Amino acid sequence: MSLIGVSTLELRQMIEQACLPDRCEISCADGAHLTIRLGNGQDLTQAVTLCDVPLSSLNSSRDLVNLVGQLHAMRDGAPVYSKKLA
């Protein structure tokens, strides 16, 4: 699946749905980088935040799966093994 032609709103919805049933909030203030907060369940008081994720690094469904996996690993305190998102 190529993400060419997918709007930022659609991309945000895909990431939020992939994080269900956990609460996920995504912002894109500059139009080029995402800031993602992932909670545990619906609670965001203990959320982890991943900042400055370049939209240009999200080109395929595999990229989205890796991003969601990285978020869950961060939240669960597991070591994160991934390439730098750039």
PDB file of N, CA and C in Angstrom:
ATOM      1  N   MET A   1       0.846  -1.176   0.000  1.00  0.00           N
ATOM      2  CA  MET A   1       0.000   0.000   0.000  1.00  0.00           C
ATOM      3  C   MET A   1       0.884   1.229   0.000  1.00  0.00           C
ATOM      4  N   SER A   2       0.735   2.048  -0.971  1.00  0.00           N
ATOM      5  CA  SER A   2       1.448   3.316  -1.030  1.00  0.00           C
ATOM      6  C   SER A   2       0.586   4.386  -0.376  1.00  0.00           C
ATOM      7  N   LEU A   3       1.225   5.294   0.326  1.00  0.00           N
ATOM      8  CA  LEU A   3       0.483   6.361   0.985  1.00  0.00           C
ATOM      9  C   LEU A   3       0.454   7.633   0.159  1.00  0.00           C
ATOM     10  N   ILE A   4       0.857   7.557  -1.097  1.00  0.00           N
ATOM     11  CA  ILE A   4       0.803   8.713  -1.982  1.00  0.00           C
ATOM     12  C   ILE A   4      -0.660   9.108  -2.170  1.00  0.00           C
ATOM     13  N   GLY A   5      -0.942  10.370  -1.978  1.00  0.00           N
ATOM     14  CA  GLY A   5      -2.303  10.865  -2.141  1.00  0.00           C
ATOM     15  C   GLY A   5      -3.143  10.805  -0.879  1.00  0.00           C
ATOM     16  N   VAL A   6      -2.578  10.289   0.212  1.00  0.00           N
ATOM     17  CA  VAL A   6      -3.299  10.221   1.478  1.00  0.00           C
ATOM     18  C   VAL A   6      -3.113  11.556   2.197  1.00  0.00           C
ATOM     19  N   SER A   7      -4.209  12.151   2.621  1.00  0.00           N
ATOM     20  CA  SER A   7      -4.129  13.435   3.312  1.00  0.00           C
ATOM     21  C   SER A   7      -3.603  13.241   4.734  1.00  0.00           C
ATOM     22  N   THR A   8      -3.183  14.338   5.343  1.00  0.00           N
ATOM     23  CA  THR A   8      -2.703  14.289   6.720  1.00  0.00           C
ATOM     24  C   THR A   8      -3.806  13.809   7.650  1.00  0.00           C
ATOM     25  N   LEU A   9      -5.034  14.256   7.421  1.00  0.00           N
ATOM     26  CA  LEU A   9      -6.169  13.823   8.239  1.00  0.00           C
ATOM     27  C   LEU A   9      -6.374  12.312   8.125  1.00  0.00           C
ATOM     28  N   GLU A  10      -6.321  11.783   6.906  1.00  0.00           N
ATOM     29  CA  GLU A  10      -6.488  10.342   6.709  1.00  0.00           C
ATOM     30  C   GLU A  10      -5.353   9.566   7.373  1.00  0.00           C
ATOM     31  N   LEU A  11      -4.140  10.089   7.281  1.00  0.00           N
ATOM     32  CA  LEU A  11      -2.989   9.452   7.910  1.00  0.00           C
ATOM     33  C   LEU A  11      -3.157   9.423   9.428  1.00  0.00           C
ATOM     34  N   ARG A  12      -3.591  10.536   9.984  1.00  0.00           N
ATOM     35  CA  ARG A  12      -3.836  10.605  11.425  1.00  0.00           C
ATOM     36  C   ARG A  12      -4.884   9.580  11.837  1.00  0.00           C
ATOM     37  N   GLN A  13      -5.951   9.460  11.073  1.00  0.00           N
ATOM     38  CA  GLN A  13      -7.005   8.500  11.392  1.00  0.00           C
ATOM     39  C   GLN A  13      -6.493   7.065  11.328  1.00  0.00           C
ATOM     40  N   MET A  14      -5.644   6.767  10.349  1.00  0.00           N
ATOM     41  CA  MET A  14      -5.081   5.417  10.236  1.00  0.00           C
ATOM     42  C   MET A  14      -4.231   5.075  11.455  1.00  0.00           C
ATOM     43  N   ILE A  15      -3.408   6.022  11.899  1.00  0.00           N
ATOM     44  CA  ILE A  15      -2.549   5.784  13.063  1.00  0.00           C
ATOM     45  C   ILE A  15      -3.402   5.633  14.316  1.00  0.00           C
ATOM     46  N   GLU A  16      -4.389   6.510  14.493  1.00  0.00           N
ATOM     47  CA  GLU A  16      -5.269   6.422  15.663  1.00  0.00           C
ATOM     48  C   GLU A  16      -6.006   5.092  15.696  1.00  0.00           C
ATOM     49  N   GLN A  17      -6.497   4.628  14.559  1.00  0.00           N
ATOM     50  CA  GLN A  17      -7.208   3.357  14.507  1.00  0.00           C
ATOM     51  C   GLN A  17      -6.266   2.188  14.780  1.00  0.00           C
ATOM     52  N   ALA A  18      -5.031   2.287  14.328  1.00  0.00           N
ATOM     53  CA  ALA A  18      -4.061   1.218  14.565  1.00  0.00           C
ATOM     54  C   ALA A  18      -3.692   1.117  16.039  1.00  0.00           C
ATOM     55  N   CYS A  19      -3.866   2.198  16.782  1.00  0.00           N
ATOM     56  CA  CYS A  19      -3.530   2.220  18.214  1.00  0.00           C
ATOM     57  C   CYS A  19      -4.689   1.779  19.101  1.00  0.00           C
ATOM     58  N   LEU A  20      -5.880   1.622  18.533  1.00  0.00           N
ATOM     59  CA  LEU A  20      -7.036   1.215  19.339  1.00  0.00           C
ATOM     60  C   LEU A  20      -6.767  -0.106  20.039  1.00  0.00           C
ATOM     61  N   PRO A  21      -7.224  -0.319  21.253  1.00  0.00           N
ATOM     62  CA  PRO A  21      -8.190   0.449  22.020  1.00  0.00           C
ATOM     63  C   PRO A  21      -7.559   1.572  22.845  1.00  0.00           C
ATOM     64  N   ASP A  22      -6.249   1.801  22.664  1.00  0.00           N
ATOM     65  CA  ASP A  22      -5.582   2.867  23.409  1.00  0.00           C
ATOM     66  C   ASP A  22      -5.893   4.220  22.792  1.00  0.00           C
ATOM     67  N   ARG A  23      -5.863   5.236  23.620  1.00  0.00           N
ATOM     68  CA  ARG A  23      -6.118   6.599  23.144  1.00  0.00           C
ATOM     69  C   ARG A  23      -4.844   7.156  22.519  1.00  0.00           C
ATOM     70  N   CYS A  24      -4.996   7.750  21.370  1.00  0.00           N
ATOM     71  CA  CYS A  24      -3.877   8.306  20.628  1.00  0.00           C
ATOM     72  C   CYS A  24      -4.294   9.683  20.121  1.00  0.00           C
ATOM     73  N   GLU A  25      -3.467  10.685  20.391  1.00  0.00           N
ATOM     74  CA  GLU A  25      -3.714  12.035  19.887  1.00  0.00           C
ATOM     75  C   GLU A  25      -2.553  12.429  18.991  1.00  0.00           C
ATOM     76  N   ILE A  26      -2.885  12.959  17.837  1.00  0.00           N
ATOM     77  CA  ILE A  26      -1.872  13.317  16.852  1.00  0.00           C
ATOM     78  C   ILE A  26      -2.075  14.755  16.427  1.00  0.00           C
ATOM     79  N   SER A  27      -0.976  15.494  16.372  1.00  0.00           N
ATOM     80  CA  SER A  27      -1.037  16.861  15.857  1.00  0.00           C
ATOM     81  C   SER A  27       0.038  17.023  14.785  1.00  0.00           C
ATOM     82  N   CYS A  28      -0.200  17.985  13.926  1.00  0.00           N
ATOM     83  CA  CYS A  28       0.735  18.275  12.837  1.00  0.00           C
ATOM     84  C   CYS A  28       0.747  19.790  12.652  1.00  0.00           C
ATOM     85  N   ALA A  29       1.386  20.468  13.591  1.00  0.00           N
ATOM     86  CA  ALA A  29       1.344  21.929  13.627  1.00  0.00           C
ATOM     87  C   ALA A  29       2.016  22.584  12.431  1.00  0.00           C
ATOM     88  N   ASP A  30       3.118  22.017  11.967  1.00  0.00           N
ATOM     89  CA  ASP A  30       3.865  22.658  10.883  1.00  0.00           C
ATOM     90  C   ASP A  30       3.555  22.086   9.497  1.00  0.00           C
ATOM     91  N   GLY A  31       2.688  21.074   9.432  1.00  0.00           N
ATOM     92  CA  GLY A  31       2.337  20.470   8.154  1.00  0.00           C
ATOM     93  C   GLY A  31       3.373  19.508   7.612  1.00  0.00           C
ATOM     94  N   ALA A  32       4.459  19.287   8.356  1.00  0.00           N
ATOM     95  CA  ALA A  32       5.524  18.404   7.880  1.00  0.00           C
ATOM     96  C   ALA A  32       5.937  17.344   8.896  1.00  0.00           C
ATOM     97  N   HIS A  33       5.594  17.561  10.175  1.00  0.00           N
ATOM     98  CA  HIS A  33       6.010  16.645  11.238  1.00  0.00           C
ATOM     99  C   HIS A  33       4.838  16.357  12.175  1.00  0.00           C
ATOM    100  N   LEU A  34       4.742  15.083  12.599  1.00  0.00           N
ATOM    101  CA  LEU A  34       3.700  14.685  13.527  1.00  0.00           C
ATOM    102  C   LEU A  34       4.227  14.667  14.954  1.00  0.00           C
ATOM    103  N   THR A  35       3.355  14.992  15.887  1.00  0.00           N
ATOM    104  CA  THR A  35       3.588  14.767  17.304  1.00  0.00           C
ATOM    105  C   THR A  35       2.486  13.817  17.748  1.00  0.00           C
ATOM    106  N   ILE A  36       2.891  12.680  18.325  1.00  0.00           N
ATOM    107  CA  ILE A  36       1.933  11.631  18.659  1.00  0.00           C
ATOM    108  C   ILE A  36       2.010  11.330  20.152  1.00  0.00           C
ATOM    109  N   ARG A  37       0.851  11.320  20.802  1.00  0.00           N
ATOM    110  CA  ARG A  37       0.754  10.926  22.218  1.00  0.00           C
ATOM    111  C   ARG A  37      -0.052   9.637  22.283  1.00  0.00           C
ATOM    112  N   LEU A  38       0.490   8.644  22.967  1.00  0.00           N
ATOM    113  CA  LEU A  38      -0.194   7.366  23.121  1.00  0.00           C
ATOM    114  C   LEU A  38      -0.361   7.062  24.594  1.00  0.00           C
ATOM    115  N   GLY A  39      -1.601   6.860  24.997  1.00  0.00           N
ATOM    116  CA  GLY A  39      -1.896   6.536  26.385  1.00  0.00           C
ATOM    117  C   GLY A  39      -2.071   5.045  26.578  1.00  0.00           C
ATOM    118  N   ASN A  40      -2.466   4.699  27.786  1.00  0.00           N
ATOM    119  CA  ASN A  40      -2.774   3.316  28.126  1.00  0.00           C
ATOM    120  C   ASN A  40      -4.272   3.245  28.341  1.00  0.00           C
ATOM    121  N   GLY A  41      -4.977   2.601  27.450  1.00  0.00           N
ATOM    122  CA  GLY A  41      -6.441   2.672  27.464  1.00  0.00           C
ATOM    123  C   GLY A  41      -6.842   4.078  27.049  1.00  0.00           C
ATOM    124  N   GLN A  42      -7.826   4.632  27.720  1.00  0.00           N
ATOM    125  CA  GLN A  42      -8.282   5.984  27.396  1.00  0.00           C
ATOM    126  C   GLN A  42      -7.573   7.058  28.210  1.00  0.00           C
ATOM    127  N   ASP A  43      -6.643   6.655  29.054  1.00  0.00           N
ATOM    128  CA  ASP A  43      -5.950   7.566  29.960  1.00  0.00           C
ATOM    129  C   ASP A  43      -4.697   8.140  29.303  1.00  0.00           C
ATOM    130  N   LEU A  44      -4.605   9.468  29.249  1.00  0.00           N
ATOM    131  CA  LEU A  44      -3.414  10.119  28.686  1.00  0.00           C
ATOM    132  C   LEU A  44      -2.509  10.711  29.761  1.00  0.00           C
ATOM    133  N   THR A  45      -2.813  10.467  31.035  1.00  0.00           N
ATOM    134  CA  THR A  45      -1.976  11.039  32.094  1.00  0.00           C
ATOM    135  C   THR A  45      -0.584  10.414  32.114  1.00  0.00           C
ATOM    136  N   GLN A  46      -0.452   9.180  31.698  1.00  0.00           N
ATOM    137  CA  GLN A  46       0.836   8.490  31.647  1.00  0.00           C
ATOM    138  C   GLN A  46       1.245   8.242  30.195  1.00  0.00           C
ATOM    139  N   ALA A  47       0.843   9.122  29.304  1.00  0.00           N
ATOM    140  CA  ALA A  47       1.098   8.937  27.872  1.00  0.00           C
ATOM    141  C   ALA A  47       2.570   9.137  27.528  1.00  0.00           C
ATOM    142  N   VAL A  48       2.988   8.466  26.468  1.00  0.00           N
ATOM    143  CA  VAL A  48       4.308   8.732  25.891  1.00  0.00           C
ATOM    144  C   VAL A  48       4.091   9.641  24.688  1.00  0.00           C
ATOM    145  N   THR A  49       5.095  10.445  24.396  1.00  0.00           N
ATOM    146  CA  THR A  49       5.001  11.376  23.275  1.00  0.00           C
ATOM    147  C   THR A  49       6.170  11.160  22.338  1.00  0.00           C
ATOM    148  N   LEU A  50       5.865  11.036  21.078  1.00  0.00           N
ATOM    149  CA  LEU A  50       6.874  10.932  20.030  1.00  0.00           C
ATOM    150  C   LEU A  50       6.752  12.194  19.179  1.00  0.00           C
ATOM    151  N   CYS A  51       7.820  12.983  19.156  1.00  0.00           N
ATOM    152  CA  CYS A  51       7.796  14.285  18.478  1.00  0.00           C
ATOM    153  C   CYS A  51       8.581  14.249  17.176  1.00  0.00           C
ATOM    154  N   ASP A  52       8.242  15.178  16.308  1.00  0.00           N
ATOM    155  CA  ASP A  52       8.993  15.431  15.073  1.00  0.00           C
ATOM    156  C   ASP A  52       9.106  14.216  14.160  1.00  0.00           C
ATOM    157  N   VAL A  53       8.018  13.479  13.996  1.00  0.00           N
ATOM    158  CA  VAL A  53       7.998  12.359  13.050  1.00  0.00           C
ATOM    159  C   VAL A  53       7.724  12.951  11.667  1.00  0.00           C
ATOM    160  N   PRO A  54       8.696  12.900  10.766  1.00  0.00           N
ATOM    161  CA  PRO A  54       8.492  13.511   9.441  1.00  0.00           C
ATOM    162  C   PRO A  54       7.410  12.773   8.641  1.00  0.00           C
ATOM    163  N   LEU A  55       6.487  13.524   8.090  1.00  0.00           N
ATOM    164  CA  LEU A  55       5.478  12.912   7.224  1.00  0.00           C
ATOM    165  C   LEU A  55       6.141  12.203   6.045  1.00  0.00           C
ATOM    166  N   SER A  56       7.262  12.721   5.603  1.00  0.00           N
ATOM    167  CA  SER A  56       7.969  12.136   4.458  1.00  0.00           C
ATOM    168  C   SER A  56       8.519  10.750   4.760  1.00  0.00           C
ATOM    169  N   SER A  57       8.584  10.362   6.050  1.00  0.00           N
ATOM    170  CA  SER A  57       9.093   9.034   6.408  1.00  0.00           C
ATOM    171  C   SER A  57       7.989   7.979   6.402  1.00  0.00           C
ATOM    172  N   LEU A  58       6.752   8.388   6.195  1.00  0.00           N
ATOM    173  CA  LEU A  58       5.618   7.465   6.211  1.00  0.00           C
ATOM    174  C   LEU A  58       5.123   7.247   4.789  1.00  0.00           C
ATOM    175  N   ASN A  59       5.734   6.285   4.121  1.00  0.00           N
ATOM    176  CA  ASN A  59       5.458   6.055   2.705  1.00  0.00           C
ATOM    177  C   ASN A  59       4.688   4.779   2.414  1.00  0.00           C
ATOM    178  N   SER A  60       4.545   3.913   3.408  1.00  0.00           N
ATOM    179  CA  SER A  60       3.883   2.633   3.163  1.00  0.00           C
ATOM    180  C   SER A  60       3.191   2.156   4.429  1.00  0.00           C
ATOM    181  N   SER A  61       2.387   1.120   4.281  1.00  0.00           N
ATOM    182  CA  SER A  61       1.726   0.536   5.442  1.00  0.00           C
ATOM    183  C   SER A  61       2.755  -0.039   6.404  1.00  0.00           C
ATOM    184  N   ARG A  62       3.864  -0.532   5.894  1.00  0.00           N
ATOM    185  CA  ARG A  62       4.938  -1.047   6.747  1.00  0.00           C
ATOM    186  C   ARG A  62       5.498   0.062   7.636  1.00  0.00           C
ATOM    187  N   ASP A  63       5.645   1.264   7.092  1.00  0.00           N
ATOM    188  CA  ASP A  63       6.121   2.401   7.885  1.00  0.00           C
ATOM    189  C   ASP A  63       5.154   2.712   9.029  1.00  0.00           C
ATOM    190  N   LEU A  64       3.852   2.628   8.747  1.00  0.00           N
ATOM    191  CA  LEU A  64       2.842   2.880   9.786  1.00  0.00           C
ATOM    192  C   LEU A  64       2.892   1.808  10.869  1.00  0.00           C
ATOM    193  N   VAL A  65       3.027   0.549  10.460  1.00  0.00           N
ATOM    194  CA  VAL A  65       3.108  -0.548  11.428  1.00  0.00           C
ATOM    195  C   VAL A  65       4.333  -0.374  12.316  1.00  0.00           C
ATOM    196  N   ASN A  66       5.476  -0.018  11.731  1.00  0.00           N
ATOM    197  CA  ASN A  66       6.692   0.202  12.516  1.00  0.00           C
ATOM    198  C   ASN A  66       6.523   1.366  13.487  1.00  0.00           C
ATOM    199  N   LEU A  67       5.872   2.429  13.050  1.00  0.00           N
ATOM    200  CA  LEU A  67       5.635   3.586  13.908  1.00  0.00           C
ATOM    201  C   LEU A  67       4.756   3.214  15.097  1.00  0.00           C
ATOM    202  N   VAL A  68       3.665   2.507  14.850  1.00  0.00           N
ATOM    203  CA  VAL A  68       2.771   2.093  15.932  1.00  0.00           C
ATOM    204  C   VAL A  68       3.494   1.135  16.880  1.00  0.00           C
ATOM    205  N   GLY A  69       4.301   0.236  16.337  1.00  0.00           N
ATOM    206  CA  GLY A  69       5.087  -0.666  17.185  1.00  0.00           C
ATOM    207  C   GLY A  69       6.063   0.092  18.063  1.00  0.00           C
ATOM    208  N   GLN A  70       6.690   1.114  17.491  1.00  0.00           N
ATOM    209  CA  GLN A  70       7.622   1.939  18.260  1.00  0.00           C
ATOM    210  C   GLN A  70       6.887   2.664  19.387  1.00  0.00           C
ATOM    211  N   LEU A  71       5.712   3.184  19.116  1.00  0.00           N
ATOM    212  CA  LEU A  71       4.918   3.863  20.145  1.00  0.00           C
ATOM    213  C   LEU A  71       4.556   2.914  21.289  1.00  0.00           C
ATOM    214  N   HIS A  72       4.104   1.707  20.941  1.00  0.00           N
ATOM    215  CA  HIS A  72       3.742   0.740  21.976  1.00  0.00           C
ATOM    216  C   HIS A  72       4.962   0.318  22.787  1.00  0.00           C
ATOM    217  N   ALA A  73       6.094   0.134  22.135  1.00  0.00           N
ATOM    218  CA  ALA A  73       7.316  -0.240  22.855  1.00  0.00           C
ATOM    219  C   ALA A  73       7.742   0.867  23.811  1.00  0.00           C
ATOM    220  N   MET A  74       7.645   2.113  23.362  1.00  0.00           N
ATOM    221  CA  MET A  74       7.973   3.244  24.239  1.00  0.00           C
ATOM    222  C   MET A  74       7.050   3.268  25.453  1.00  0.00           C
ATOM    223  N   ARG A  75       5.774   3.105  25.208  1.00  0.00           N
ATOM    224  CA  ARG A  75       4.796   3.158  26.294  1.00  0.00           C
ATOM    225  C   ARG A  75       4.996   2.017  27.285  1.00  0.00           C
ATOM    226  N   ASP A  76       5.326   0.837  26.775  1.00  0.00           N
ATOM    227  CA  ASP A  76       5.461  -0.340  27.625  1.00  0.00           C
ATOM    228  C   ASP A  76       6.839  -0.456  28.255  1.00  0.00           C
ATOM    229  N   GLY A  77       7.730   0.494  27.932  1.00  0.00           N
ATOM    230  CA  GLY A  77       9.056   0.504  28.527  1.00  0.00           C
ATOM    231  C   GLY A  77      10.016  -0.490  27.920  1.00  0.00           C
ATOM    232  N   ALA A  78       9.669  -1.061  26.792  1.00  0.00           N
ATOM    233  CA  ALA A  78      10.546  -2.018  26.129  1.00  0.00           C
ATOM    234  C   ALA A  78      11.611  -1.265  25.340  1.00  0.00           C
ATOM    235  N   PRO A  79      12.762  -1.894  25.129  1.00  0.00           N
ATOM    236  CA  PRO A  79      13.764  -1.242  24.288  1.00  0.00           C
ATOM    237  C   PRO A  79      13.219  -1.048  22.878  1.00  0.00           C
ATOM    238  N   VAL A  80      13.506   0.074  22.278  1.00  0.00           N
ATOM    239  CA  VAL A  80      13.037   0.381  20.940  1.00  0.00           C
ATOM    240  C   VAL A  80      14.189   0.193  19.966  1.00  0.00           C
ATOM    241  N   TYR A  81      14.015  -0.745  19.054  1.00  0.00           N
ATOM    242  CA  TYR A  81      15.009  -0.999  18.022  1.00  0.00           C
ATOM    243  C   TYR A  81      14.410  -0.580  16.692  1.00  0.00           C
ATOM    244  N   SER A  82      14.799   0.548  16.206  1.00  0.00           N
ATOM    245  CA  SER A  82      14.293   0.996  14.915  1.00  0.00           C
ATOM    246  C   SER A  82      15.253   2.010  14.330  1.00  0.00           C
ATOM    247  N   LYS A  83      15.142   2.171  13.033  1.00  0.00           N
ATOM    248  CA  LYS A  83      15.956   3.183  12.398  1.00  0.00           C
ATOM    249  C   LYS A  83      15.398   4.562  12.736  1.00  0.00           C
ATOM    250  N   LYS A  84      16.229   5.537  12.663  1.00  0.00           N
ATOM    251  CA  LYS A  84      15.802   6.912  12.937  1.00  0.00           C
ATOM    252  C   LYS A  84      14.828   7.334  11.847  1.00  0.00           C
ATOM    253  N   LEU A  85      13.720   7.922  12.269  1.00  0.00           N
ATOM    254  CA  LEU A  85      12.746   8.418  11.310  1.00  0.00           C
ATOM    255  C   LEU A  85      13.253   9.744  10.760  1.00  0.00           C
ATOM    256  N   ALA A  86      13.570   9.755   9.492  1.00  0.00           N
ATOM    257  CA  ALA A  86      14.077  10.986   8.886  1.00  0.00           C
ATOM    258  C   ALA A  86      13.635  11.097   7.460  1.00  0.00           C
TER     259      ALA A  86
END
